[in-house]
Amino acid sequence: MTLELDNRPLRQQIHLDRKALRLTALFIGLTGYGVSMAGIMRAGLGVDPWDVLHVAVAQKTGLSVGTVVVLTALVVLLAWWPLKQHPGIGTLANAVWIGVACDAALAVLPTPEDLAARIALLCSSVLINGLADAVYIGAQLGPGPRDGLMTGLHRVTDQPIGVLRVLIEGVVLLTGWALGGPIGPGTVLYALTIGPIVHFALPRVLIRVQDRPTTRMVRPTAKNRGPSLERKKH
Protein backbone atom coordinates (compact mmCIF):
# COMPACT_ATOMS: atom_id res chain seq x y z
CA MET A 1 0.00 0.00 0.00
CA THR A 2 1.36 3.42 -0.95
CA LEU A 3 1.83 5.81 1.97
CA GLU A 4 0.25 9.26 1.80
CA LEU A 5 3.57 10.94 1.08
CA ASP A 6 3.13 14.48 -0.13
CA ASN A 7 5.27 15.69 -3.03
CA ARG A 8 4.91 19.44 -3.44
CA PRO A 9 7.34 22.13 -4.60
CA LEU A 10 9.06 24.22 -1.94
CA ARG A 11 6.76 27.15 -2.70
CA GLN A 12 3.67 25.16 -1.75
CA GLN A 13 5.25 23.52 1.30
CA ILE A 14 5.42 26.92 2.99
CA HIS A 15 1.61 26.96 3.10
CA LEU A 16 1.08 23.43 4.49
CA ASP A 17 -1.10 22.91 7.56
CA ARG A 18 0.41 22.42 11.06
CA LYS A 19 3.70 24.07 10.13
CA ALA A 20 4.92 24.28 13.74
CA LEU A 21 4.39 20.55 14.24
CA ARG A 22 6.09 19.72 10.94
CA LEU A 23 9.11 21.92 11.64
CA THR A 24 9.46 20.43 15.13
CA ALA A 25 9.34 16.88 13.72
CA LEU A 26 11.86 17.84 11.03
CA PHE A 27 14.27 19.28 13.61
CA ILE A 28 13.92 16.30 15.98
CA GLY A 29 14.33 13.80 13.14
CA LEU A 30 17.40 15.42 11.60
CA THR A 31 19.01 15.89 15.02
CA GLY A 32 18.40 12.24 15.92
CA TYR A 33 19.78 11.17 12.55
CA GLY A 34 23.00 13.14 13.03
CA VAL A 35 23.49 11.97 16.62
CA SER A 36 22.90 8.33 15.65
CA MET A 37 25.44 8.67 12.82
CA ALA A 38 27.96 9.75 15.42
CA GLY A 39 27.05 6.74 17.55
CA ILE A 40 27.64 4.37 14.63
CA MET A 41 31.04 5.96 14.01
CA ARG A 42 32.03 5.79 17.69
CA ALA A 43 31.05 2.11 17.86
CA GLY A 44 33.83 1.44 15.36
CA LEU A 45 32.22 -1.67 13.90
CA GLY A 46 31.60 -0.43 10.36
CA VAL A 47 30.11 2.60 8.63
CA ASP A 48 26.77 2.75 6.83
CA PRO A 49 26.57 1.58 3.17
CA TRP A 50 26.62 5.08 1.68
CA ASP A 51 29.83 5.90 3.54
CA VAL A 52 31.36 2.66 2.26
CA LEU A 53 30.72 4.01 -1.24
CA HIS A 54 31.95 7.52 -0.36
CA VAL A 55 35.25 6.22 1.07
CA ALA A 56 35.78 3.88 -1.89
CA VAL A 57 35.21 6.61 -4.49
CA ALA A 58 37.46 8.99 -2.54
CA GLN A 59 40.25 6.42 -2.54
CA LYS A 60 39.88 5.81 -6.28
CA THR A 61 39.68 9.45 -7.32
CA GLY A 62 41.88 11.21 -4.77
CA LEU A 63 39.02 13.53 -3.80
CA SER A 64 38.17 14.19 -0.16
CA VAL A 65 35.36 12.15 1.37
CA GLY A 66 33.38 15.36 1.96
CA THR A 67 33.64 16.30 -1.71
CA VAL A 68 32.48 12.82 -2.72
CA VAL A 69 29.50 13.09 -0.33
CA VAL A 70 28.40 16.33 -2.01
CA LEU A 71 28.93 15.01 -5.54
CA THR A 72 27.05 11.80 -4.73
CA ALA A 73 24.13 13.83 -3.39
CA LEU A 74 24.02 15.83 -6.64
CA VAL A 75 24.01 12.64 -8.73
CA VAL A 76 21.19 11.20 -6.61
CA LEU A 77 19.23 14.44 -6.99
CA LEU A 78 19.46 14.01 -10.77
CA ALA A 79 17.78 10.62 -10.33
CA TRP A 80 14.81 12.47 -8.80
CA TRP A 81 13.90 14.02 -12.15
CA PRO A 82 12.32 10.95 -13.81
CA LEU A 83 10.56 10.19 -10.50
CA LYS A 84 9.14 13.75 -10.39
CA GLN A 85 10.31 14.09 -6.79
CA HIS A 86 10.37 17.70 -5.51
CA PRO A 87 13.04 19.04 -3.13
CA GLY A 88 11.79 20.98 -0.14
CA ILE A 89 12.60 22.58 3.19
CA GLY A 90 13.71 19.23 4.58
CA THR A 91 16.02 18.66 1.62
CA LEU A 92 17.87 21.89 2.36
CA ALA A 93 17.87 21.32 6.13
CA ASN A 94 19.15 17.79 5.62
CA ALA A 95 22.23 19.08 3.85
CA VAL A 96 23.12 21.38 6.75
CA TRP A 97 21.74 20.22 10.09
CA ILE A 98 22.64 16.51 10.07
CA GLY A 99 26.32 17.39 9.79
CA VAL A 100 26.04 19.94 12.60
CA ALA A 101 24.27 17.44 14.89
CA CYS A 102 26.78 14.70 14.03
CA ASP A 103 29.80 16.91 14.80
CA ALA A 104 28.25 18.07 18.07
CA ALA A 105 27.62 14.47 19.14
CA LEU A 106 31.12 13.35 18.16
CA ALA A 107 32.55 16.11 20.36
CA VAL A 108 30.95 14.67 23.51
CA LEU A 109 30.42 10.99 22.76
CA PRO A 110 33.32 8.75 23.87
CA THR A 111 34.47 5.62 22.09
CA PRO A 112 33.66 2.53 24.20
CA GLU A 113 36.60 0.21 24.86
CA ASP A 114 34.52 -2.83 25.80
CA LEU A 115 33.22 -4.85 22.83
CA ALA A 116 29.82 -5.40 24.44
CA ALA A 117 29.42 -1.64 24.94
CA ARG A 118 30.41 -1.02 21.31
CA ILE A 119 27.83 -3.55 20.10
CA ALA A 120 25.17 -1.96 22.31
CA LEU A 121 26.06 1.49 21.00
CA LEU A 122 25.92 0.24 17.41
CA CYS A 123 22.53 -1.47 17.79
CA SER A 124 20.93 1.46 19.63
CA SER A 125 22.34 3.95 17.11
CA VAL A 126 21.00 1.99 14.12
CA LEU A 127 17.57 1.83 15.78
CA ILE A 128 17.58 5.56 16.53
CA ASN A 129 18.78 6.28 13.00
CA GLY A 130 15.83 4.43 11.46
CA LEU A 131 13.30 6.05 13.81
CA ALA A 132 14.77 9.52 13.25
CA ASP A 133 14.73 8.94 9.49
CA ALA A 134 11.02 8.13 9.64
CA VAL A 135 10.26 11.17 11.84
CA TYR A 136 11.92 13.69 9.53
CA ILE A 137 10.45 12.12 6.37
CA GLY A 138 7.05 12.04 8.11
CA ALA A 139 7.16 15.81 8.54
CA GLN A 140 6.38 15.94 4.79
CA LEU A 141 8.67 18.92 4.19
CA GLY A 142 10.87 17.18 1.65
CA PRO A 143 13.32 14.29 2.12
CA GLY A 144 17.09 14.37 1.80
CA PRO A 145 18.71 13.37 -1.49
CA ARG A 146 19.05 9.66 -0.67
CA ASP A 147 15.71 9.32 1.12
CA GLY A 148 14.00 11.13 -1.75
CA LEU A 149 15.15 8.36 -4.05
CA MET A 150 13.39 5.87 -1.77
CA THR A 151 10.16 7.86 -1.40
CA GLY A 152 10.06 8.67 -5.12
CA LEU A 153 10.42 5.00 -6.05
CA HIS A 154 7.75 4.12 -3.49
CA ARG A 155 5.29 6.58 -5.03
CA VAL A 156 6.02 5.44 -8.60
CA THR A 157 6.24 1.66 -8.07
CA ASP A 158 3.91 1.20 -5.06
CA GLN A 159 6.51 -1.14 -3.53
CA PRO A 160 6.91 -1.19 0.29
CA ILE A 161 9.25 1.39 1.81
CA GLY A 162 11.15 -1.31 3.70
CA VAL A 163 11.86 -3.39 0.61
CA LEU A 164 13.01 -0.39 -1.42
CA ARG A 165 15.29 0.87 1.35
CA VAL A 166 16.97 -2.54 1.73
CA LEU A 167 17.43 -2.80 -2.04
CA ILE A 168 18.95 0.68 -2.30
CA GLU A 169 21.26 0.12 0.66
CA GLY A 170 22.23 -3.29 -0.75
CA VAL A 171 23.13 -1.93 -4.19
CA VAL A 172 25.12 0.91 -2.65
CA LEU A 173 26.91 -1.47 -0.28
CA LEU A 174 27.85 -3.92 -3.03
CA THR A 175 29.07 -1.08 -5.25
CA GLY A 176 31.18 0.39 -2.48
CA TRP A 177 32.58 -3.04 -1.57
CA ALA A 178 33.44 -3.77 -5.21
CA LEU A 179 35.38 -0.49 -5.33
CA GLY A 180 37.30 -1.41 -2.19
CA GLY A 181 35.32 0.43 0.48
CA PRO A 182 35.60 -0.59 4.16
CA ILE A 183 32.92 -2.99 5.45
CA GLY A 184 32.30 -4.14 9.02
CA PRO A 185 29.54 -6.03 10.85
CA GLY A 186 27.85 -2.72 11.57
CA THR A 187 27.64 -2.04 7.84
CA VAL A 188 25.79 -5.28 7.19
CA LEU A 189 23.53 -4.75 10.23
CA TYR A 190 22.61 -1.28 8.98
CA ALA A 191 21.90 -2.43 5.42
CA LEU A 192 19.61 -5.26 6.55
CA THR A 193 17.68 -3.52 9.36
CA ILE A 194 17.30 0.14 8.39
CA GLY A 195 14.59 -0.62 5.82
CA PRO A 196 12.31 -2.60 8.17
CA ILE A 197 12.73 0.02 10.93
CA VAL A 198 11.70 2.88 8.63
CA HIS A 199 8.90 0.74 7.16
CA PHE A 200 7.49 0.09 10.64
CA ALA A 201 7.88 3.63 12.00
CA LEU A 202 6.95 5.87 9.06
CA PRO A 203 3.18 5.19 8.95
CA ARG A 204 3.03 5.83 12.72
CA VAL A 205 4.76 9.22 12.64
CA LEU A 206 3.54 10.47 9.25
CA ILE A 207 1.91 13.91 9.51
CA ARG A 208 -0.67 13.72 6.77
CA VAL A 209 -1.44 16.79 4.70
CA GLN A 210 -4.90 18.19 5.20
CA ASP A 211 -5.72 20.50 2.33
CA ARG A 212 -7.88 23.37 3.38
CA PRO A 213 -10.69 24.31 0.97
CA THR A 214 -10.05 27.65 -0.61
CA THR A 215 -12.74 30.30 -0.75
CA ARG A 216 -13.38 31.34 -4.31
CA MET A 217 -13.93 35.00 -5.00
CA VAL A 218 -17.05 35.38 -7.14
CA ARG A 219 -16.94 38.38 -9.37
CA PRO A 220 -20.26 40.16 -9.74
CA THR A 221 -22.04 39.53 -13.02
CA ALA A 222 -25.24 40.72 -14.54
CA LYS A 223 -27.01 37.74 -12.94
CA ASN A 224 -25.69 38.08 -9.38
CA ARG A 225 -25.11 41.84 -9.16
CA GLY A 226 -28.49 42.43 -7.58
CA PRO A 227 -30.86 45.37 -8.10
CA SER A 228 -29.26 48.26 -9.85
CA LEU A 229 -28.85 51.41 -7.80
CA GLU A 230 -28.78 53.58 -10.87
CA ARG A 231 -31.80 55.76 -11.39
CA LYS A 232 -33.59 55.20 -14.60
CA LYS A 233 -33.44 57.99 -17.09
CA HIS A 234 -36.77 59.18 -18.42
C-alpha atoms as a PDB file:
ATOM      1  CA  MET A   1       0.000   0.000   0.000  1.00  0.00           C
ATOM      2  CA  THR A   2       1.362   3.415  -0.953  1.00  0.00           C
ATOM      3  CA  LEU A   3       1.825   5.807   1.968  1.00  0.00           C
ATOM      4  CA  GLU A   4       0.249   9.259   1.797  1.00  0.00           C
ATOM      5  CA  LEU A   5       3.573  10.936   1.080  1.00  0.00           C
ATOM      6  CA  ASP A   6       3.128  14.480  -0.132  1.00  0.00           C
ATOM      7  CA  ASN A   7       5.269  15.692  -3.026  1.00  0.00           C
ATOM      8  CA  ARG A   8       4.907  19.442  -3.442  1.00  0.00           C
ATOM      9  CA  PRO A   9       7.341  22.127  -4.600  1.00  0.00           C
ATOM     10  CA  LEU A  10       9.060  24.224  -1.938  1.00  0.00           C
ATOM     11  CA  ARG A  11       6.765  27.155  -2.700  1.00  0.00           C
ATOM     12  CA  GLN A  12       3.673  25.157  -1.753  1.00  0.00           C
ATOM     13  CA  GLN A  13       5.247  23.524   1.299  1.00  0.00           C
ATOM     14  CA  ILE A  14       5.417  26.919   2.989  1.00  0.00           C
ATOM     15  CA  HIS A  15       1.607  26.957   3.104  1.00  0.00           C
ATOM     16  CA  LEU A  16       1.078  23.431   4.494  1.00  0.00           C
ATOM     17  CA  ASP A  17      -1.098  22.912   7.561  1.00  0.00           C
ATOM     18  CA  ARG A  18       0.412  22.423  11.055  1.00  0.00           C
ATOM     19  CA  LYS A  19       3.697  24.068  10.129  1.00  0.00           C
ATOM     20  CA  ALA A  20       4.918  24.278  13.745  1.00  0.00           C
ATOM     21  CA  LEU A  21       4.394  20.547  14.245  1.00  0.00           C
ATOM     22  CA  ARG A  22       6.090  19.723  10.936  1.00  0.00           C
ATOM     23  CA  LEU A  23       9.115  21.925  11.638  1.00  0.00           C
ATOM     24  CA  THR A  24       9.456  20.429  15.125  1.00  0.00           C
ATOM     25  CA  ALA A  25       9.340  16.883  13.719  1.00  0.00           C
ATOM     26  CA  LEU A  26      11.862  17.845  11.029  1.00  0.00           C
ATOM     27  CA  PHE A  27      14.266  19.281  13.606  1.00  0.00           C
ATOM     28  CA  ILE A  28      13.925  16.301  15.975  1.00  0.00           C
ATOM     29  CA  GLY A  29      14.332  13.796  13.145  1.00  0.00           C
ATOM     30  CA  LEU A  30      17.401  15.423  11.604  1.00  0.00           C
ATOM     31  CA  THR A  31      19.010  15.887  15.019  1.00  0.00           C
ATOM     32  CA  GLY A  32      18.403  12.240  15.925  1.00  0.00           C
ATOM     33  CA  TYR A  33      19.775  11.171  12.551  1.00  0.00           C
ATOM     34  CA  GLY A  34      22.995  13.142  13.032  1.00  0.00           C
ATOM     35  CA  VAL A  35      23.492  11.973  16.625  1.00  0.00           C
ATOM     36  CA  SER A  36      22.903   8.331  15.653  1.00  0.00           C
ATOM     37  CA  MET A  37      25.437   8.668  12.822  1.00  0.00           C
ATOM     38  CA  ALA A  38      27.963   9.753  15.425  1.00  0.00           C
ATOM     39  CA  GLY A  39      27.045   6.735  17.547  1.00  0.00           C
ATOM     40  CA  ILE A  40      27.641   4.366  14.630  1.00  0.00           C
ATOM     41  CA  MET A  41      31.036   5.960  14.012  1.00  0.00           C
ATOM     42  CA  ARG A  42      32.034   5.791  17.686  1.00  0.00           C
ATOM     43  CA  ALA A  43      31.053   2.109  17.857  1.00  0.00           C
ATOM     44  CA  GLY A  44      33.832   1.439  15.358  1.00  0.00           C
ATOM     45  CA  LEU A  45      32.215  -1.667  13.900  1.00  0.00           C
ATOM     46  CA  GLY A  46      31.598  -0.434  10.361  1.00  0.00           C
ATOM     47  CA  VAL A  47      30.107   2.595   8.628  1.00  0.00           C
ATOM     48  CA  ASP A  48      26.774   2.751   6.829  1.00  0.00           C
ATOM     49  CA  PRO A  49      26.567   1.578   3.169  1.00  0.00           C
ATOM     50  CA  TRP A  50      26.619   5.079   1.677  1.00  0.00           C
ATOM     51  CA  ASP A  51      29.834   5.902   3.543  1.00  0.00           C
ATOM     52  CA  VAL A  52      31.363   2.659   2.256  1.00  0.00           C
ATOM     53  CA  LEU A  53      30.722   4.011  -1.243  1.00  0.00           C
ATOM     54  CA  HIS A  54      31.947   7.519  -0.355  1.00  0.00           C
ATOM     55  CA  VAL A  55      35.248   6.222   1.068  1.00  0.00           C
ATOM     56  CA  ALA A  56      35.775   3.882  -1.891  1.00  0.00           C
ATOM     57  CA  VAL A  57      35.212   6.612  -4.490  1.00  0.00           C
ATOM     58  CA  ALA A  58      37.464   8.989  -2.536  1.00  0.00           C
ATOM     59  CA  GLN A  59      40.252   6.420  -2.541  1.00  0.00           C
ATOM     60  CA  LYS A  60      39.879   5.808  -6.285  1.00  0.00           C
ATOM     61  CA  THR A  61      39.681   9.451  -7.324  1.00  0.00           C
ATOM     62  CA  GLY A  62      41.884  11.207  -4.767  1.00  0.00           C
ATOM     63  CA  LEU A  63      39.024  13.528  -3.803  1.00  0.00           C
ATOM     64  CA  SER A  64      38.171  14.186  -0.164  1.00  0.00           C
ATOM     65  CA  VAL A  65      35.359  12.154   1.373  1.00  0.00           C
ATOM     66  CA  GLY A  66      33.381  15.355   1.965  1.00  0.00           C
ATOM     67  CA  THR A  67      33.641  16.296  -1.705  1.00  0.00           C
ATOM     68  CA  VAL A  68      32.478  12.820  -2.723  1.00  0.00           C
ATOM     69  CA  VAL A  69      29.497  13.087  -0.332  1.00  0.00           C
ATOM     70  CA  VAL A  70      28.398  16.335  -2.010  1.00  0.00           C
ATOM     71  CA  LEU A  71      28.932  15.012  -5.545  1.00  0.00           C
ATOM     72  CA  THR A  72      27.046  11.805  -4.728  1.00  0.00           C
ATOM     73  CA  ALA A  73      24.132  13.833  -3.390  1.00  0.00           C
ATOM     74  CA  LEU A  74      24.024  15.830  -6.644  1.00  0.00           C
ATOM     75  CA  VAL A  75      24.011  12.642  -8.725  1.00  0.00           C
ATOM     76  CA  VAL A  76      21.193  11.199  -6.611  1.00  0.00           C
ATOM     77  CA  LEU A  77      19.229  14.438  -6.992  1.00  0.00           C
ATOM     78  CA  LEU A  78      19.459  14.010 -10.773  1.00  0.00           C
ATOM     79  CA  ALA A  79      17.776  10.617 -10.331  1.00  0.00           C
ATOM     80  CA  TRP A  80      14.807  12.472  -8.797  1.00  0.00           C
ATOM     81  CA  TRP A  81      13.899  14.021 -12.149  1.00  0.00           C
ATOM     82  CA  PRO A  82      12.317  10.946 -13.813  1.00  0.00           C
ATOM     83  CA  LEU A  83      10.564  10.186 -10.498  1.00  0.00           C
ATOM     84  CA  LYS A  84       9.143  13.753 -10.388  1.00  0.00           C
ATOM     85  CA  GLN A  85      10.307  14.088  -6.791  1.00  0.00           C
ATOM     86  CA  HIS A  86      10.367  17.696  -5.513  1.00  0.00           C
ATOM     87  CA  PRO A  87      13.037  19.036  -3.127  1.00  0.00           C
ATOM     88  CA  GLY A  88      11.787  20.979  -0.141  1.00  0.00           C
ATOM     89  CA  ILE A  89      12.596  22.584   3.191  1.00  0.00           C
ATOM     90  CA  GLY A  90      13.709  19.227   4.581  1.00  0.00           C
ATOM     91  CA  THR A  91      16.018  18.663   1.616  1.00  0.00           C
ATOM     92  CA  LEU A  92      17.873  21.894   2.363  1.00  0.00           C
ATOM     93  CA  ALA A  93      17.871  21.323   6.130  1.00  0.00           C
ATOM     94  CA  ASN A  94      19.153  17.786   5.622  1.00  0.00           C
ATOM     95  CA  ALA A  95      22.229  19.081   3.845  1.00  0.00           C
ATOM     96  CA  VAL A  96      23.123  21.375   6.755  1.00  0.00           C
ATOM     97  CA  TRP A  97      21.739  20.215  10.088  1.00  0.00           C
ATOM     98  CA  ILE A  98      22.637  16.505  10.068  1.00  0.00           C
ATOM     99  CA  GLY A  99      26.321  17.393   9.791  1.00  0.00           C
ATOM    100  CA  VAL A 100      26.039  19.939  12.604  1.00  0.00           C
ATOM    101  CA  ALA A 101      24.275  17.438  14.886  1.00  0.00           C
ATOM    102  CA  CYS A 102      26.779  14.700  14.034  1.00  0.00           C
ATOM    103  CA  ASP A 103      29.797  16.913  14.796  1.00  0.00           C
ATOM    104  CA  ALA A 104      28.254  18.072  18.068  1.00  0.00           C
ATOM    105  CA  ALA A 105      27.619  14.470  19.140  1.00  0.00           C
ATOM    106  CA  LEU A 106      31.119  13.352  18.156  1.00  0.00           C
ATOM    107  CA  ALA A 107      32.549  16.112  20.359  1.00  0.00           C
ATOM    108  CA  VAL A 108      30.949  14.674  23.513  1.00  0.00           C
ATOM    109  CA  LEU A 109      30.417  10.986  22.756  1.00  0.00           C
ATOM    110  CA  PRO A 110      33.318   8.749  23.873  1.00  0.00           C
ATOM    111  CA  THR A 111      34.473   5.616  22.094  1.00  0.00           C
ATOM    112  CA  PRO A 112      33.665   2.535  24.205  1.00  0.00           C
ATOM    113  CA  GLU A 113      36.600   0.207  24.864  1.00  0.00           C
ATOM    114  CA  ASP A 114      34.523  -2.831  25.801  1.00  0.00           C
ATOM    115  CA  LEU A 115      33.225  -4.851  22.826  1.00  0.00           C
ATOM    116  CA  ALA A 116      29.815  -5.395  24.440  1.00  0.00           C
ATOM    117  CA  ALA A 117      29.425  -1.645  24.942  1.00  0.00           C
ATOM    118  CA  ARG A 118      30.413  -1.016  21.315  1.00  0.00           C
ATOM    119  CA  ILE A 119      27.828  -3.552  20.102  1.00  0.00           C
ATOM    120  CA  ALA A 120      25.166  -1.964  22.311  1.00  0.00           C
ATOM    121  CA  LEU A 121      26.057   1.495  21.000  1.00  0.00           C
ATOM    122  CA  LEU A 122      25.916   0.242  17.412  1.00  0.00           C
ATOM    123  CA  CYS A 123      22.532  -1.472  17.786  1.00  0.00           C
ATOM    124  CA  SER A 124      20.931   1.462  19.628  1.00  0.00           C
ATOM    125  CA  SER A 125      22.343   3.950  17.108  1.00  0.00           C
ATOM    126  CA  VAL A 126      21.000   1.986  14.118  1.00  0.00           C
ATOM    127  CA  LEU A 127      17.572   1.826  15.777  1.00  0.00           C
ATOM    128  CA  ILE A 128      17.578   5.563  16.534  1.00  0.00           C
ATOM    129  CA  ASN A 129      18.780   6.281  13.004  1.00  0.00           C
ATOM    130  CA  GLY A 130      15.833   4.429  11.463  1.00  0.00           C
ATOM    131  CA  LEU A 131      13.299   6.046  13.810  1.00  0.00           C
ATOM    132  CA  ALA A 132      14.765   9.521  13.254  1.00  0.00           C
ATOM    133  CA  ASP A 133      14.729   8.941   9.486  1.00  0.00           C
ATOM    134  CA  ALA A 134      11.025   8.132   9.643  1.00  0.00           C
ATOM    135  CA  VAL A 135      10.262  11.173  11.838  1.00  0.00           C
ATOM    136  CA  TYR A 136      11.920  13.693   9.531  1.00  0.00           C
ATOM    137  CA  ILE A 137      10.448  12.120   6.373  1.00  0.00           C
ATOM    138  CA  GLY A 138       7.055  12.035   8.109  1.00  0.00           C
ATOM    139  CA  ALA A 139       7.158  15.811   8.542  1.00  0.00           C
ATOM    140  CA  GLN A 140       6.375  15.942   4.794  1.00  0.00           C
ATOM    141  CA  LEU A 141       8.668  18.921   4.188  1.00  0.00           C
ATOM    142  CA  GLY A 142      10.871  17.177   1.647  1.00  0.00           C
ATOM    143  CA  PRO A 143      13.323  14.294   2.120  1.00  0.00           C
ATOM    144  CA  GLY A 144      17.090  14.371   1.804  1.00  0.00           C
ATOM    145  CA  PRO A 145      18.713  13.370  -1.495  1.00  0.00           C
ATOM    146  CA  ARG A 146      19.051   9.660  -0.666  1.00  0.00           C
ATOM    147  CA  ASP A 147      15.710   9.320   1.116  1.00  0.00           C
ATOM    148  CA  GLY A 148      14.004  11.131  -1.745  1.00  0.00           C
ATOM    149  CA  LEU A 149      15.150   8.361  -4.052  1.00  0.00           C
ATOM    150  CA  MET A 150      13.386   5.872  -1.766  1.00  0.00           C
ATOM    151  CA  THR A 151      10.156   7.861  -1.397  1.00  0.00           C
ATOM    152  CA  GLY A 152      10.062   8.670  -5.125  1.00  0.00           C
ATOM    153  CA  LEU A 153      10.416   4.998  -6.052  1.00  0.00           C
ATOM    154  CA  HIS A 154       7.746   4.122  -3.491  1.00  0.00           C
ATOM    155  CA  ARG A 155       5.293   6.577  -5.027  1.00  0.00           C
ATOM    156  CA  VAL A 156       6.016   5.441  -8.602  1.00  0.00           C
ATOM    157  CA  THR A 157       6.236   1.661  -8.070  1.00  0.00           C
ATOM    158  CA  ASP A 158       3.908   1.195  -5.063  1.00  0.00           C
ATOM    159  CA  GLN A 159       6.506  -1.137  -3.528  1.00  0.00           C
ATOM    160  CA  PRO A 160       6.908  -1.190   0.289  1.00  0.00           C
ATOM    161  CA  ILE A 161       9.250   1.391   1.805  1.00  0.00           C
ATOM    162  CA  GLY A 162      11.155  -1.308   3.697  1.00  0.00           C
ATOM    163  CA  VAL A 163      11.859  -3.390   0.612  1.00  0.00           C
ATOM    164  CA  LEU A 164      13.008  -0.393  -1.423  1.00  0.00           C
ATOM    165  CA  ARG A 165      15.286   0.869   1.349  1.00  0.00           C
ATOM    166  CA  VAL A 166      16.966  -2.541   1.729  1.00  0.00           C
ATOM    167  CA  LEU A 167      17.429  -2.802  -2.045  1.00  0.00           C
ATOM    168  CA  ILE A 168      18.948   0.680  -2.300  1.00  0.00           C
ATOM    169  CA  GLU A 169      21.259   0.124   0.655  1.00  0.00           C
ATOM    170  CA  GLY A 170      22.234  -3.289  -0.751  1.00  0.00           C
ATOM    171  CA  VAL A 171      23.130  -1.931  -4.193  1.00  0.00           C
ATOM    172  CA  VAL A 172      25.119   0.914  -2.647  1.00  0.00           C
ATOM    173  CA  LEU A 173      26.910  -1.468  -0.275  1.00  0.00           C
ATOM    174  CA  LEU A 174      27.853  -3.916  -3.029  1.00  0.00           C
ATOM    175  CA  THR A 175      29.065  -1.081  -5.252  1.00  0.00           C
ATOM    176  CA  GLY A 176      31.180   0.389  -2.475  1.00  0.00           C
ATOM    177  CA  TRP A 177      32.579  -3.038  -1.571  1.00  0.00           C
ATOM    178  CA  ALA A 178      33.442  -3.768  -5.206  1.00  0.00           C
ATOM    179  CA  LEU A 179      35.376  -0.487  -5.326  1.00  0.00           C
ATOM    180  CA  GLY A 180      37.298  -1.415  -2.191  1.00  0.00           C
ATOM    181  CA  GLY A 181      35.318   0.434   0.477  1.00  0.00           C
ATOM    182  CA  PRO A 182      35.604  -0.594   4.163  1.00  0.00           C
ATOM    183  CA  ILE A 183      32.920  -2.989   5.448  1.00  0.00           C
ATOM    184  CA  GLY A 184      32.296  -4.141   9.019  1.00  0.00           C
ATOM    185  CA  PRO A 185      29.539  -6.026  10.852  1.00  0.00           C
ATOM    186  CA  GLY A 186      27.848  -2.718  11.570  1.00  0.00           C
ATOM    187  CA  THR A 187      27.641  -2.043   7.840  1.00  0.00           C
ATOM    188  CA  VAL A 188      25.790  -5.284   7.186  1.00  0.00           C
ATOM    189  CA  LEU A 189      23.530  -4.752  10.228  1.00  0.00           C
ATOM    190  CA  TYR A 190      22.606  -1.281   8.983  1.00  0.00           C
ATOM    191  CA  ALA A 191      21.904  -2.430   5.424  1.00  0.00           C
ATOM    192  CA  LEU A 192      19.608  -5.258   6.546  1.00  0.00           C
ATOM    193  CA  THR A 193      17.683  -3.524   9.357  1.00  0.00           C
ATOM    194  CA  ILE A 194      17.296   0.136   8.394  1.00  0.00           C
ATOM    195  CA  GLY A 195      14.587  -0.615   5.822  1.00  0.00           C
ATOM    196  CA  PRO A 196      12.308  -2.602   8.166  1.00  0.00           C
ATOM    197  CA  ILE A 197      12.730   0.015  10.927  1.00  0.00           C
ATOM    198  CA  VAL A 198      11.699   2.876   8.626  1.00  0.00           C
ATOM    199  CA  HIS A 199       8.900   0.745   7.159  1.00  0.00           C
ATOM    200  CA  PHE A 200       7.491   0.093  10.641  1.00  0.00           C
ATOM    201  CA  ALA A 201       7.877   3.625  11.998  1.00  0.00           C
ATOM    202  CA  LEU A 202       6.946   5.874   9.064  1.00  0.00           C
ATOM    203  CA  PRO A 203       3.180   5.190   8.954  1.00  0.00           C
ATOM    204  CA  ARG A 204       3.026   5.833  12.717  1.00  0.00           C
ATOM    205  CA  VAL A 205       4.757   9.223  12.640  1.00  0.00           C
ATOM    206  CA  LEU A 206       3.535  10.472   9.248  1.00  0.00           C
ATOM    207  CA  ILE A 207       1.909  13.909   9.513  1.00  0.00           C
ATOM    208  CA  ARG A 208      -0.674  13.716   6.771  1.00  0.00           C
ATOM    209  CA  VAL A 209      -1.443  16.787   4.700  1.00  0.00           C
ATOM    210  CA  GLN A 210      -4.905  18.193   5.204  1.00  0.00           C
ATOM    211  CA  ASP A 211      -5.715  20.498   2.328  1.00  0.00           C
ATOM    212  CA  ARG A 212      -7.878  23.372   3.382  1.00  0.00           C
ATOM    213  CA  PRO A 213     -10.689  24.307   0.975  1.00  0.00           C
ATOM    214  CA  THR A 214     -10.054  27.653  -0.611  1.00  0.00           C
ATOM    215  CA  THR A 215     -12.737  30.300  -0.750  1.00  0.00           C
ATOM    216  CA  ARG A 216     -13.379  31.338  -4.306  1.00  0.00           C
ATOM    217  CA  MET A 217     -13.932  35.004  -5.004  1.00  0.00           C
ATOM    218  CA  VAL A 218     -17.045  35.381  -7.136  1.00  0.00           C
ATOM    219  CA  ARG A 219     -16.944  38.383  -9.367  1.00  0.00           C
ATOM    220  CA  PRO A 220     -20.260  40.162  -9.742  1.00  0.00           C
ATOM    221  CA  THR A 221     -22.036  39.532 -13.017  1.00  0.00           C
ATOM    222  CA  ALA A 222     -25.237  40.723 -14.537  1.00  0.00           C
ATOM    223  CA  LYS A 223     -27.011  37.744 -12.944  1.00  0.00           C
ATOM    224  CA  ASN A 224     -25.695  38.084  -9.382  1.00  0.00           C
ATOM    225  CA  ARG A 225     -25.113  41.839  -9.158  1.00  0.00           C
ATOM    226  CA  GLY A 226     -28.493  42.432  -7.577  1.00  0.00           C
ATOM    227  CA  PRO A 227     -30.865  45.365  -8.098  1.00  0.00           C
ATOM    228  CA  SER A 228     -29.265  48.263  -9.854  1.00  0.00           C
ATOM    229  CA  LEU A 229     -28.853  51.414  -7.803  1.00  0.00           C
ATOM    230  CA  GLU A 230     -28.783  53.576 -10.874  1.00  0.00           C
ATOM    231  CA  ARG A 231     -31.796  55.757 -11.387  1.00  0.00           C
ATOM    232  CA  LYS A 232     -33.592  55.204 -14.601  1.00  0.00           C
ATOM    233  CA  LYS A 233     -33.441  57.993 -17.085  1.00  0.00           C
ATOM    234  CA  HIS A 234     -36.773  59.181 -18.419  1.00  0.00           C
END
